[in-house]
PDB file of N, CA and C in Angstrom:
ATOM      1  N   MET A   1       0.769  -1.056   0.098  1.00  0.00           N
ATOM      2  CA  MET A   1      -0.003   0.046   0.040  1.00  0.00           C
ATOM      3  C   MET A   1       0.893   1.199  -0.032  1.00  0.00           C
ATOM      4  N   SER A   2       0.643   2.135  -1.007  1.00  0.00           N
ATOM      5  CA  SER A   2       1.474   3.349  -1.043  1.00  0.00           C
ATOM      6  C   SER A   2       1.092   4.585  -0.501  1.00  0.00           C
ATOM      7  N   GLY A   3      -0.262   4.659   0.397  1.00  0.00           N
ATOM      8  CA  GLY A   3      -0.631   5.743   0.980  1.00  0.00           C
ATOM      9  C   GLY A   3      -1.089   6.680   0.043  1.00  0.00           C
ATOM     10  N   PRO A   4      -1.647   7.896   0.585  1.00  0.00           N
ATOM     11  CA  PRO A   4      -2.222   9.151  -0.078  1.00  0.00           C
ATOM     12  C   PRO A   4      -1.220   9.546  -1.184  1.00  0.00           C
ATOM     13  N   PRO A   5      -1.834   9.882  -2.282  1.00  0.00           N
ATOM     14  CA  PRO A   5      -1.084  10.555  -3.655  1.00  0.00           C
ATOM     15  C   PRO A   5      -0.212  11.904  -3.283  1.00  0.00           C
ATOM     16  N   VAL A   6      -0.762  12.564  -1.837  1.00  0.00           N
ATOM     17  CA  VAL A   6      -0.118  13.912  -1.640  1.00  0.00           C
ATOM     18  C   VAL A   6       0.501  13.753  -0.327  1.00  0.00           C
ATOM     19  N   THR A   7       1.674  14.408  -0.195  1.00  0.00           N
ATOM     20  CA  THR A   7       2.612  14.306   0.963  1.00  0.00           C
ATOM     21  C   THR A   7       2.684  15.695   1.279  1.00  0.00           C
ATOM     22  N   LEU A   8       2.607  16.061   2.462  1.00  0.00           N
ATOM     23  CA  LEU A   8       2.741  17.564   3.154  1.00  0.00           C
ATOM     24  C   LEU A   8       4.286  17.529   3.933  1.00  0.00           C
ATOM     25  N   ALA A   9       5.076  18.323   3.154  1.00  0.00           N
ATOM     26  CA  ALA A   9       6.499  18.119   3.592  1.00  0.00           C
ATOM     27  C   ALA A   9       6.754  19.201   4.828  1.00  0.00           C
ATOM     28  N   SER A  10       5.796  18.568   5.868  1.00  0.00           N
ATOM     29  CA  SER A  10       5.925  19.480   7.011  1.00  0.00           C
ATOM     30  C   SER A  10       5.176  18.604   8.250  1.00  0.00           C
ATOM     31  N   LYS A  11       5.379  19.013   9.292  1.00  0.00           N
ATOM     32  CA  LYS A  11       4.515  18.334  10.530  1.00  0.00           C
ATOM     33  C   LYS A  11       3.684  19.728  11.134  1.00  0.00           C
ATOM     34  N   SER A  12       3.346  20.549  10.598  1.00  0.00           N
ATOM     35  CA  SER A  12       2.762  21.627  10.901  1.00  0.00           C
ATOM     36  C   SER A  12       1.247  21.451  11.193  1.00  0.00           C
ATOM     37  N   ALA A  13       0.806  21.432  12.123  1.00  0.00           N
ATOM     38  CA  ALA A  13      -0.791  21.243  12.504  1.00  0.00           C
ATOM     39  C   ALA A  13      -1.585  22.239  11.849  1.00  0.00           C
ATOM     40  N   ALA A  14      -1.042  23.634  11.352  1.00  0.00           N
ATOM     41  CA  ALA A  14      -2.099  24.407  10.879  1.00  0.00           C
ATOM     42  C   ALA A  14      -2.044  24.138   9.270  1.00  0.00           C
ATOM     43  N   ARG A  15      -1.181  23.793   8.729  1.00  0.00           N
ATOM     44  CA  ARG A  15      -0.970  23.475   7.111  1.00  0.00           C
ATOM     45  C   ARG A  15      -1.555  21.838   7.255  1.00  0.00           C
ATOM     46  N   SER A  16      -1.508  21.100   8.050  1.00  0.00           N
ATOM     47  CA  SER A  16      -2.271  19.924   8.107  1.00  0.00           C
ATOM     48  C   SER A  16      -3.814  20.166   8.132  1.00  0.00           C
ATOM     49  N   SER A  17      -4.182  20.994   8.981  1.00  0.00           N
ATOM     50  CA  SER A  17      -5.629  21.393   8.919  1.00  0.00           C
ATOM     51  C   SER A  17      -6.217  22.009   7.910  1.00  0.00           C
ATOM     52  N   LEU A  18      -5.351  22.910   7.058  1.00  0.00           N
ATOM     53  CA  LEU A  18      -5.972  23.469   5.956  1.00  0.00           C
ATOM     54  C   LEU A  18      -6.302  22.393   4.949  1.00  0.00           C
ATOM     55  N   LEU A  19      -5.095  21.221   4.737  1.00  0.00           N
ATOM     56  CA  LEU A  19      -5.474  20.194   3.784  1.00  0.00           C
ATOM     57  C   LEU A  19      -6.693  19.353   4.254  1.00  0.00           C
ATOM     58  N   ARG A  20      -7.137  19.070   5.477  1.00  0.00           N
ATOM     59  CA  ARG A  20      -8.010  18.217   6.098  1.00  0.00           C
ATOM     60  C   ARG A  20      -9.387  19.002   5.584  1.00  0.00           C
ATOM     61  N   GLY A  21      -9.466  20.420   5.893  1.00  0.00           N
ATOM     62  CA  GLY A  21     -10.308  21.281   5.684  1.00  0.00           C
ATOM     63  C   GLY A  21     -10.829  21.176   4.411  1.00  0.00           C
ATOM     64  N   ALA A  22      -9.680  21.135   3.467  1.00  0.00           N
ATOM     65  CA  ALA A  22     -10.193  20.806   1.987  1.00  0.00           C
ATOM     66  C   ALA A  22     -10.587  19.619   1.380  1.00  0.00           C
ATOM     67  N   GLY A  23     -10.665  18.620   2.522  1.00  0.00           N
ATOM     68  CA  GLY A  23     -11.054  17.263   2.064  1.00  0.00           C
ATOM     69  C   GLY A  23      -9.869  16.508   1.302  1.00  0.00           C
ATOM     70  N   VAL A  24      -8.472  16.937   1.207  1.00  0.00           N
ATOM     71  CA  VAL A  24      -7.491  16.268   0.615  1.00  0.00           C
ATOM     72  C   VAL A  24      -7.038  15.044   1.426  1.00  0.00           C
ATOM     73  N   PRO A  25      -6.825  14.035   0.954  1.00  0.00           N
ATOM     74  CA  PRO A  25      -6.418  12.922   1.679  1.00  0.00           C
ATOM     75  C   PRO A  25      -4.627  13.102   1.650  1.00  0.00           C
ATOM     76  N   PHE A  26      -3.894  13.041   2.626  1.00  0.00           N
ATOM     77  CA  PHE A  26      -2.503  13.211   2.507  1.00  0.00           C
ATOM     78  C   PHE A  26      -1.877  12.585   3.814  1.00  0.00           C
ATOM     79  N   ALA A  27      -0.439  12.539   3.456  1.00  0.00           N
ATOM     80  CA  ALA A  27       0.414  11.853   4.578  1.00  0.00           C
ATOM     81  C   ALA A  27       1.349  13.226   4.746  1.00  0.00           C
ATOM     82  N   THR A  28       2.058  12.965   5.781  1.00  0.00           N
ATOM     83  CA  THR A  28       3.032  13.862   6.392  1.00  0.00           C
ATOM     84  C   THR A  28       4.472  13.514   6.323  1.00  0.00           C
ATOM     85  N   ALA A  29       5.400  14.152   6.112  1.00  0.00           N
ATOM     86  CA  ALA A  29       6.905  13.603   6.233  1.00  0.00           C
ATOM     87  C   ALA A  29       7.522  15.019   6.648  1.00  0.00           C
ATOM     88  N   ASP A  30       8.622  14.783   7.515  1.00  0.00           N
ATOM     89  CA  ASP A  30       9.322  15.730   7.809  1.00  0.00           C
ATOM     90  C   ASP A  30      10.519  16.159   6.852  1.00  0.00           C
ATOM     91  N   SER A  31      10.711  17.171   6.278  1.00  0.00           N
ATOM     92  CA  SER A  31      11.718  17.304   5.320  1.00  0.00           C
ATOM     93  C   SER A  31      13.165  17.122   5.644  1.00  0.00           C
ATOM     94  N   GLY A  32      13.373  17.246   7.028  1.00  0.00           N
ATOM     95  CA  GLY A  32      14.874  17.326   7.355  1.00  0.00           C
ATOM     96  C   GLY A  32      15.603  18.432   6.754  1.00  0.00           C
ATOM     97  N   VAL A  33      14.967  19.538   6.389  1.00  0.00           N
ATOM     98  CA  VAL A  33      15.856  20.625   6.016  1.00  0.00           C
ATOM     99  C   VAL A  33      16.081  21.517   7.124  1.00  0.00           C
ATOM    100  N   ASP A  34      17.327  21.792   7.260  1.00  0.00           N
ATOM    101  CA  ASP A  34      17.843  22.755   8.153  1.00  0.00           C
ATOM    102  C   ASP A  34      17.427  24.162   7.887  1.00  0.00           C
ATOM    103  N   GLU A  35      16.310  24.547   8.520  1.00  0.00           N
ATOM    104  CA  GLU A  35      16.002  25.812   7.882  1.00  0.00           C
ATOM    105  C   GLU A  35      16.840  26.985   8.597  1.00  0.00           C
ATOM    106  N   ASP A  36      17.301  26.677   9.800  1.00  0.00           N
ATOM    107  CA  ASP A  36      18.457  27.796  10.015  1.00  0.00           C
ATOM    108  C   ASP A  36      19.448  28.214   9.222  1.00  0.00           C
ATOM    109  N   ILE A  37      20.238  26.985   8.802  1.00  0.00           N
ATOM    110  CA  ILE A  37      21.321  27.215   7.939  1.00  0.00           C
ATOM    111  C   ILE A  37      20.887  27.859   6.356  1.00  0.00           C
ATOM    112  N   LEU A  38      19.732  27.280   5.966  1.00  0.00           N
ATOM    113  CA  LEU A  38      19.411  27.787   4.797  1.00  0.00           C
ATOM    114  C   LEU A  38      18.977  29.474   4.820  1.00  0.00           C
ATOM    115  N   LYS A  39      18.281  29.742   6.019  1.00  0.00           N
ATOM    116  CA  LYS A  39      17.939  31.278   5.943  1.00  0.00           C
ATOM    117  C   LYS A  39      19.430  31.936   6.206  1.00  0.00           C
ATOM    118  N   ALA A  40      20.081  31.593   7.122  1.00  0.00           N
ATOM    119  CA  ALA A  40      21.396  32.282   7.287  1.00  0.00           C
ATOM    120  C   ALA A  40      22.144  32.374   5.815  1.00  0.00           C
ATOM    121  N   GLY A  41      21.999  31.408   4.977  1.00  0.00           N
ATOM    122  CA  GLY A  41      22.854  31.542   3.716  1.00  0.00           C
ATOM    123  C   GLY A  41      22.025  32.385   2.750  1.00  0.00           C
ATOM    124  N   LEU A  42      20.853  32.522   2.562  1.00  0.00           N
ATOM    125  CA  LEU A  42      19.884  33.222   2.050  1.00  0.00           C
ATOM    126  C   LEU A  42      19.833  34.887   2.332  1.00  0.00           C
ATOM    127  N   LEU A  43      19.980  34.990   3.592  1.00  0.00           N
ATOM    128  CA  LEU A  43      20.027  36.500   4.102  1.00  0.00           C
ATOM    129  C   LEU A  43      21.298  37.133   4.065  1.00  0.00           C
ATOM    130  N   ALA A  44      22.117  36.116   4.118  1.00  0.00           N
ATOM    131  CA  ALA A  44      23.809  36.656   3.705  1.00  0.00           C
ATOM    132  C   ALA A  44      24.089  37.223   2.538  1.00  0.00           C
ATOM    133  N   ARG A  45      23.125  36.464   1.394  1.00  0.00           N
ATOM    134  CA  ARG A  45      23.390  36.840  -0.004  1.00  0.00           C
ATOM    135  C   ARG A  45      22.335  38.067  -0.165  1.00  0.00           C
ATOM    136  N   GLY A  46      21.535  38.480   0.821  1.00  0.00           N
ATOM    137  CA  GLY A  46      20.805  39.736   0.479  1.00  0.00           C
ATOM    138  C   GLY A  46      19.339  39.389   0.285  1.00  0.00           C
ATOM    139  N   ALA A  47      18.944  37.984   0.351  1.00  0.00           N
ATOM    140  CA  ALA A  47      17.520  37.840   0.185  1.00  0.00           C
ATOM    141  C   ALA A  47      16.466  38.381   1.038  1.00  0.00           C
ATOM    142  N   GLY A  48      15.400  38.705   0.549  1.00  0.00           N
ATOM    143  CA  GLY A  48      14.281  39.421   1.470  1.00  0.00           C
ATOM    144  C   GLY A  48      13.364  38.189   1.910  1.00  0.00           C
ATOM    145  N   PRO A  49      12.623  38.540   3.071  1.00  0.00           N
ATOM    146  CA  PRO A  49      11.797  37.502   3.642  1.00  0.00           C
ATOM    147  C   PRO A  49      10.829  36.914   2.629  1.00  0.00           C
ATOM    148  N   ALA A  50      10.319  37.530   1.803  1.00  0.00           N
ATOM    149  CA  ALA A  50       9.372  36.716   0.753  1.00  0.00           C
ATOM    150  C   ALA A  50      10.417  35.535   0.116  1.00  0.00           C
ATOM    151  N   GLU A  51      11.499  36.099  -0.588  1.00  0.00           N
ATOM    152  CA  GLU A  51      12.476  35.124  -1.137  1.00  0.00           C
ATOM    153  C   GLU A  51      12.668  33.863  -0.197  1.00  0.00           C
ATOM    154  N   VAL A  52      13.060  34.277   1.082  1.00  0.00           N
ATOM    155  CA  VAL A  52      13.353  33.126   2.074  1.00  0.00           C
ATOM    156  C   VAL A  52      12.001  32.243   2.214  1.00  0.00           C
ATOM    157  N   ALA A  53      10.991  32.799   2.499  1.00  0.00           N
ATOM    158  CA  ALA A  53       9.748  31.843   2.342  1.00  0.00           C
ATOM    159  C   ALA A  53       9.554  30.797   1.113  1.00  0.00           C
ATOM    160  N   ALA A  54       9.729  31.554  -0.013  1.00  0.00           N
ATOM    161  CA  ALA A  54       9.875  30.878  -1.148  1.00  0.00           C
ATOM    162  C   ALA A  54      10.797  29.635  -1.514  1.00  0.00           C
ATOM    163  N   ALA A  55      12.075  30.009  -0.858  1.00  0.00           N
ATOM    164  CA  ALA A  55      13.309  28.856  -1.055  1.00  0.00           C
ATOM    165  C   ALA A  55      12.888  27.866  -0.133  1.00  0.00           C
ATOM    166  N   LEU A  56      12.539  28.357   1.124  1.00  0.00           N
ATOM    167  CA  LEU A  56      12.241  27.294   2.100  1.00  0.00           C
ATOM    168  C   LEU A  56      11.066  26.302   1.765  1.00  0.00           C
ATOM    169  N   ALA A  57      10.086  26.825   1.302  1.00  0.00           N
ATOM    170  CA  ALA A  57       9.170  25.737   0.620  1.00  0.00           C
ATOM    171  C   ALA A  57       9.606  24.868  -0.596  1.00  0.00           C
ATOM    172  N   ARG A  58      10.264  25.356  -1.534  1.00  0.00           N
ATOM    173  CA  ARG A  58      10.973  24.615  -2.437  1.00  0.00           C
ATOM    174  C   ARG A  58      11.921  23.735  -1.781  1.00  0.00           C
ATOM    175  N   GLU A  59      12.696  23.906  -1.077  1.00  0.00           N
ATOM    176  CA  GLU A  59      13.519  23.066  -0.583  1.00  0.00           C
ATOM    177  C   GLU A  59      12.943  21.664   0.423  1.00  0.00           C
ATOM    178  N   LYS A  60      11.934  22.276   1.188  1.00  0.00           N
ATOM    179  CA  LYS A  60      11.064  21.213   1.642  1.00  0.00           C
ATOM    180  C   LYS A  60      10.724  20.196   0.804  1.00  0.00           C
ATOM    181  N   ALA A  61       9.917  20.740  -0.274  1.00  0.00           N
ATOM    182  CA  ALA A  61       9.219  20.102  -1.042  1.00  0.00           C
ATOM    183  C   ALA A  61      10.250  18.910  -1.826  1.00  0.00           C
ATOM    184  N   LEU A  62      11.191  19.511  -2.183  1.00  0.00           N
ATOM    185  CA  LEU A  62      12.306  18.833  -2.996  1.00  0.00           C
ATOM    186  C   LEU A  62      12.861  17.725  -2.083  1.00  0.00           C
ATOM    187  N   ALA A  63      13.233  18.018  -1.019  1.00  0.00           N
ATOM    188  CA  ALA A  63      13.803  17.091  -0.152  1.00  0.00           C
ATOM    189  C   ALA A  63      12.748  15.857   0.058  1.00  0.00           C
ATOM    190  N   VAL A  64      11.565  16.016   0.356  1.00  0.00           N
ATOM    191  CA  VAL A  64      10.476  14.836   0.607  1.00  0.00           C
ATOM    192  C   VAL A  64      10.304  14.316  -0.757  1.00  0.00           C
ATOM    193  N   SER A  65      10.263  14.868  -2.027  1.00  0.00           N
ATOM    194  CA  SER A  65      10.108  14.387  -3.165  1.00  0.00           C
ATOM    195  C   SER A  65      11.218  13.196  -3.534  1.00  0.00           C
ATOM    196  N   ARG A  66      12.294  13.437  -3.064  1.00  0.00           N
ATOM    197  CA  ARG A  66      13.313  12.606  -3.339  1.00  0.00           C
ATOM    198  C   ARG A  66      13.012  11.090  -2.530  1.00  0.00           C
ATOM    199  N   ILE A  67      12.142  11.280  -1.799  1.00  0.00           N
ATOM    200  CA  ILE A  67      11.860   9.825  -0.959  1.00  0.00           C
ATOM    201  C   ILE A  67      10.343   9.461  -1.010  1.00  0.00           C
ATOM    202  N   ARG A  68       9.455  10.340  -1.442  1.00  0.00           N
ATOM    203  CA  ARG A  68       8.203   9.913  -1.650  1.00  0.00           C
ATOM    204  C   ARG A  68       7.542  10.260  -2.888  1.00  0.00           C
ATOM    205  N   PRO A  69       6.877   9.202  -3.415  1.00  0.00           N
ATOM    206  CA  PRO A  69       6.184   9.340  -4.828  1.00  0.00           C
ATOM    207  C   PRO A  69       4.998  10.044  -4.798  1.00  0.00           C
ATOM    208  N   GLY A  70       4.675  10.844  -5.824  1.00  0.00           N
ATOM    209  CA  GLY A  70       3.308  11.487  -6.098  1.00  0.00           C
ATOM    210  C   GLY A  70       3.647  12.930  -5.674  1.00  0.00           C
ATOM    211  N   LEU A  71       2.610  13.758  -5.622  1.00  0.00           N
ATOM    212  CA  LEU A  71       2.764  15.229  -5.280  1.00  0.00           C
ATOM    213  C   LEU A  71       3.248  15.559  -4.065  1.00  0.00           C
ATOM    214  N   VAL A  72       4.136  16.241  -3.788  1.00  0.00           N
ATOM    215  CA  VAL A  72       4.593  16.694  -2.502  1.00  0.00           C
ATOM    216  C   VAL A  72       4.605  18.320  -2.327  1.00  0.00           C
ATOM    217  N   ILE A  73       3.898  18.566  -1.199  1.00  0.00           N
ATOM    218  CA  ILE A  73       3.548  20.190  -1.203  1.00  0.00           C
ATOM    219  C   ILE A  73       4.663  20.611   0.158  1.00  0.00           C
ATOM    220  N   GLY A  74       5.479  21.578  -0.190  1.00  0.00           N
ATOM    221  CA  GLY A  74       6.294  22.130   0.769  1.00  0.00           C
ATOM    222  C   GLY A  74       5.814  23.587   1.031  1.00  0.00           C
ATOM    223  N   ALA A  75       5.701  24.216   2.200  1.00  0.00           N
ATOM    224  CA  ALA A  75       5.132  25.449   2.576  1.00  0.00           C
ATOM    225  C   ALA A  75       5.997  26.068   3.711  1.00  0.00           C
ATOM    226  N   ASP A  76       6.055  27.401   3.641  1.00  0.00           N
ATOM    227  CA  ASP A  76       6.476  28.233   4.528  1.00  0.00           C
ATOM    228  C   ASP A  76       5.941  29.653   4.487  1.00  0.00           C
ATOM    229  N   GLN A  77       6.335  30.391   5.704  1.00  0.00           N
ATOM    230  CA  GLN A  77       5.809  31.549   6.024  1.00  0.00           C
ATOM    231  C   GLN A  77       6.614  32.244   6.867  1.00  0.00           C
ATOM    232  N   THR A  78       7.087  33.584   6.307  1.00  0.00           N
ATOM    233  CA  THR A  78       8.108  34.550   7.148  1.00  0.00           C
ATOM    234  C   THR A  78       7.291  35.824   7.385  1.00  0.00           C
ATOM    235  N   LEU A  79       7.686  36.352   8.548  1.00  0.00           N
ATOM    236  CA  LEU A  79       7.025  37.723   9.040  1.00  0.00           C
ATOM    237  C   LEU A  79       8.197  38.673   8.800  1.00  0.00           C
ATOM    238  N   ASP A  80       7.764  39.862   7.980  1.00  0.00           N
ATOM    239  CA  ASP A  80       8.813  40.801   7.674  1.00  0.00           C
ATOM    240  C   ASP A  80       8.234  42.044   8.276  1.00  0.00           C
ATOM    241  N   PHE A  81       9.012  42.575   9.114  1.00  0.00           N
ATOM    242  CA  PHE A  81       8.706  43.851   9.789  1.00  0.00           C
ATOM    243  C   PHE A  81       9.887  44.729   9.882  1.00  0.00           C
ATOM    244  N   GLU A  82       9.749  45.898   9.177  1.00  0.00           N
ATOM    245  CA  GLU A  82      10.288  46.919   8.721  1.00  0.00           C
ATOM    246  C   GLU A  82      11.511  46.348   7.982  1.00  0.00           C
ATOM    247  N   GLY A  83      11.279  45.637   6.932  1.00  0.00           N
ATOM    248  CA  GLY A  83      12.162  45.209   6.146  1.00  0.00           C
ATOM    249  C   GLY A  83      13.109  43.835   6.589  1.00  0.00           C
ATOM    250  N   ARG A  84      12.803  43.470   7.701  1.00  0.00           N
ATOM    251  CA  ARG A  84      13.849  42.368   8.280  1.00  0.00           C
ATOM    252  C   ARG A  84      12.775  41.132   8.668  1.00  0.00           C
ATOM    253  N   LEU A  85      13.383  39.801   8.462  1.00  0.00           N
ATOM    254  CA  LEU A  85      12.721  38.776   8.647  1.00  0.00           C
ATOM    255  C   LEU A  85      12.864  38.401  10.221  1.00  0.00           C
ATOM    256  N   HIS A  86      11.454  37.966  10.556  1.00  0.00           N
ATOM    257  CA  HIS A  86      11.616  37.685  12.326  1.00  0.00           C
ATOM    258  C   HIS A  86      11.060  36.270  12.330  1.00  0.00           C
ATOM    259  N   ASP A  87      12.010  35.481  13.030  1.00  0.00           N
ATOM    260  CA  ASP A  87      11.508  33.975  13.173  1.00  0.00           C
ATOM    261  C   ASP A  87      10.546  33.957  14.479  1.00  0.00           C
ATOM    262  N   LYS A  88       9.962  32.758  14.704  1.00  0.00           N
ATOM    263  CA  LYS A  88       9.084  32.432  15.811  1.00  0.00           C
ATOM    264  C   LYS A  88       9.610  32.947  16.990  1.00  0.00           C
ATOM    265  N   PRO A  89       9.198  33.391  17.743  1.00  0.00           N
ATOM    266  CA  PRO A  89       9.586  34.066  19.109  1.00  0.00           C
ATOM    267  C   PRO A  89       9.728  32.725  19.873  1.00  0.00           C
ATOM    268  N   VAL A  90      10.865  32.631  20.767  1.00  0.00           N
ATOM    269  CA  VAL A  90      11.403  31.475  21.549  1.00  0.00           C
ATOM    270  C   VAL A  90      10.868  31.292  22.519  1.00  0.00           C
ATOM    271  N   ASP A  91       9.744  32.479  23.128  1.00  0.00           N
ATOM    272  CA  ASP A  91       9.059  32.061  24.356  1.00  0.00           C
ATOM    273  C   ASP A  91       7.856  33.232  24.490  1.00  0.00           C
ATOM    274  N   LEU A  92       6.999  33.210  25.741  1.00  0.00           N
ATOM    275  CA  LEU A  92       6.197  34.033  25.491  1.00  0.00           C
ATOM    276  C   LEU A  92       6.454  35.670  25.812  1.00  0.00           C
ATOM    277  N   ALA A  93       7.808  35.747  26.645  1.00  0.00           N
ATOM    278  CA  ALA A  93       8.123  37.164  26.790  1.00  0.00           C
ATOM    279  C   ALA A  93       8.454  37.683  25.396  1.00  0.00           C
ATOM    280  N   GLU A  94       9.407  36.868  24.803  1.00  0.00           N
ATOM    281  CA  GLU A  94       9.560  37.457  23.471  1.00  0.00           C
ATOM    282  C   GLU A  94       8.363  37.839  22.399  1.00  0.00           C
ATOM    283  N   ALA A  95       7.441  36.896  22.415  1.00  0.00           N
ATOM    284  CA  ALA A  95       6.251  37.089  21.814  1.00  0.00           C
ATOM    285  C   ALA A  95       5.398  38.511  22.192  1.00  0.00           C
ATOM    286  N   ALA A  96       5.391  38.592  23.316  1.00  0.00           N
ATOM    287  CA  ALA A  96       4.962  39.880  23.870  1.00  0.00           C
ATOM    288  C   ALA A  96       5.502  41.220  23.718  1.00  0.00           C
ATOM    289  N   ALA A  97       6.902  41.121  23.528  1.00  0.00           N
ATOM    290  CA  ALA A  97       7.700  42.176  23.312  1.00  0.00           C
ATOM    291  C   ALA A  97       7.577  42.470  21.876  1.00  0.00           C
ATOM    292  N   ARG A  98       7.332  41.505  21.102  1.00  0.00           N
ATOM    293  CA  ARG A  98       7.454  41.624  19.558  1.00  0.00           C
ATOM    294  C   ARG A  98       5.953  42.255  19.264  1.00  0.00           C
ATOM    295  N   LEU A  99       4.993  41.749  19.696  1.00  0.00           N
ATOM    296  CA  LEU A  99       3.677  42.451  19.522  1.00  0.00           C
ATOM    297  C   LEU A  99       3.564  44.042  20.117  1.00  0.00           C
ATOM    298  N   ARG A 100       4.442  44.074  21.193  1.00  0.00           N
ATOM    299  CA  ARG A 100       4.098  45.464  21.689  1.00  0.00           C
ATOM    300  C   ARG A 100       5.030  46.385  20.671  1.00  0.00           C
ATOM    301  N   ALA A 101       6.147  46.053  20.091  1.00  0.00           N
ATOM    302  CA  ALA A 101       6.952  46.579  19.079  1.00  0.00           C
ATOM    303  C   ALA A 101       6.204  46.928  17.913  1.00  0.00           C
ATOM    304  N   MET A 102       5.433  45.979  17.450  1.00  0.00           N
ATOM    305  CA  MET A 102       4.683  45.980  16.195  1.00  0.00           C
ATOM    306  C   MET A 102       3.286  46.783  16.245  1.00  0.00           C
ATOM    307  N   ARG A 103       2.781  47.033  17.561  1.00  0.00           N
ATOM    308  CA  ARG A 103       1.602  47.819  17.683  1.00  0.00           C
ATOM    309  C   ARG A 103       1.387  48.969  17.035  1.00  0.00           C
ATOM    310  N   GLY A 104       0.529  48.951  16.109  1.00  0.00           N
ATOM    311  CA  GLY A 104       0.282  50.084  15.250  1.00  0.00           C
ATOM    312  C   GLY A 104       1.245  50.516  13.985  1.00  0.00           C
ATOM    313  N   ARG A 105       1.896  49.460  13.628  1.00  0.00           N
ATOM    314  CA  ARG A 105       2.914  49.475  12.656  1.00  0.00           C
ATOM    315  C   ARG A 105       2.726  48.514  11.659  1.00  0.00           C
ATOM    316  N   THR A 106       2.913  48.429  10.496  1.00  0.00           N
ATOM    317  CA  THR A 106       2.641  47.686   9.296  1.00  0.00           C
ATOM    318  C   THR A 106       3.526  46.576   9.259  1.00  0.00           C
ATOM    319  N   HIS A 107       3.203  45.334   9.096  1.00  0.00           N
ATOM    320  CA  HIS A 107       3.875  44.265   8.878  1.00  0.00           C
ATOM    321  C   HIS A 107       3.511  43.474   7.615  1.00  0.00           C
ATOM    322  N   ALA A 108       4.204  42.292   7.405  1.00  0.00           N
ATOM    323  CA  ALA A 108       3.827  41.589   6.086  1.00  0.00           C
ATOM    324  C   ALA A 108       4.207  39.975   6.640  1.00  0.00           C
ATOM    325  N   LEU A 109       3.176  39.242   6.070  1.00  0.00           N
ATOM    326  CA  LEU A 109       3.384  37.970   6.355  1.00  0.00           C
ATOM    327  C   LEU A 109       3.677  37.503   4.818  1.00  0.00           C
ATOM    328  N   HIS A 110       4.593  36.564   4.523  1.00  0.00           N
ATOM    329  CA  HIS A 110       4.921  36.197   3.255  1.00  0.00           C
ATOM    330  C   HIS A 110       4.853  34.507   3.199  1.00  0.00           C
ATOM    331  N   ALA A 111       3.765  34.336   2.549  1.00  0.00           N
ATOM    332  CA  ALA A 111       3.669  32.636   2.549  1.00  0.00           C
ATOM    333  C   ALA A 111       4.041  32.198   1.053  1.00  0.00           C
ATOM    334  N   ALA A 112       4.344  30.901   1.158  1.00  0.00           N
ATOM    335  CA  ALA A 112       4.962  30.374   0.070  1.00  0.00           C
ATOM    336  C   ALA A 112       4.529  28.821  -0.057  1.00  0.00           C
ATOM    337  N   VAL A 113       4.180  28.384  -1.259  1.00  0.00           N
ATOM    338  CA  VAL A 113       3.651  27.007  -1.374  1.00  0.00           C
ATOM    339  C   VAL A 113       4.724  26.544  -2.566  1.00  0.00           C
ATOM    340  N   ALA A 114       5.282  25.182  -2.545  1.00  0.00           N
ATOM    341  CA  ALA A 114       6.031  24.644  -3.684  1.00  0.00           C
ATOM    342  C   ALA A 114       5.625  23.182  -4.028  1.00  0.00           C
TER     343      ALA A 114
END
């Protein structure tokens, strides 16, 4: 038995919920992509937050497609605040501080799917 023809290259509960809500049968697989190393290289080359999201989505999909047949979906999202990429906060205190800093100011979320 080969399983569903769609594989989500992520263990993200939010992304799984989207596919379930759309009625898409799917399996999940961890891509094994080291996001921190990939992000650091991209940022060092001058990539912006939207480019980082697209590259991460692509690399996750490619990594899983090497080991899973069928359609593989990779996805990522980045937060762009004042032209700088912000990673997920490490704890509640950092999240609260970030929300205070962003209060009343514009930010952008860049979502990418490959």
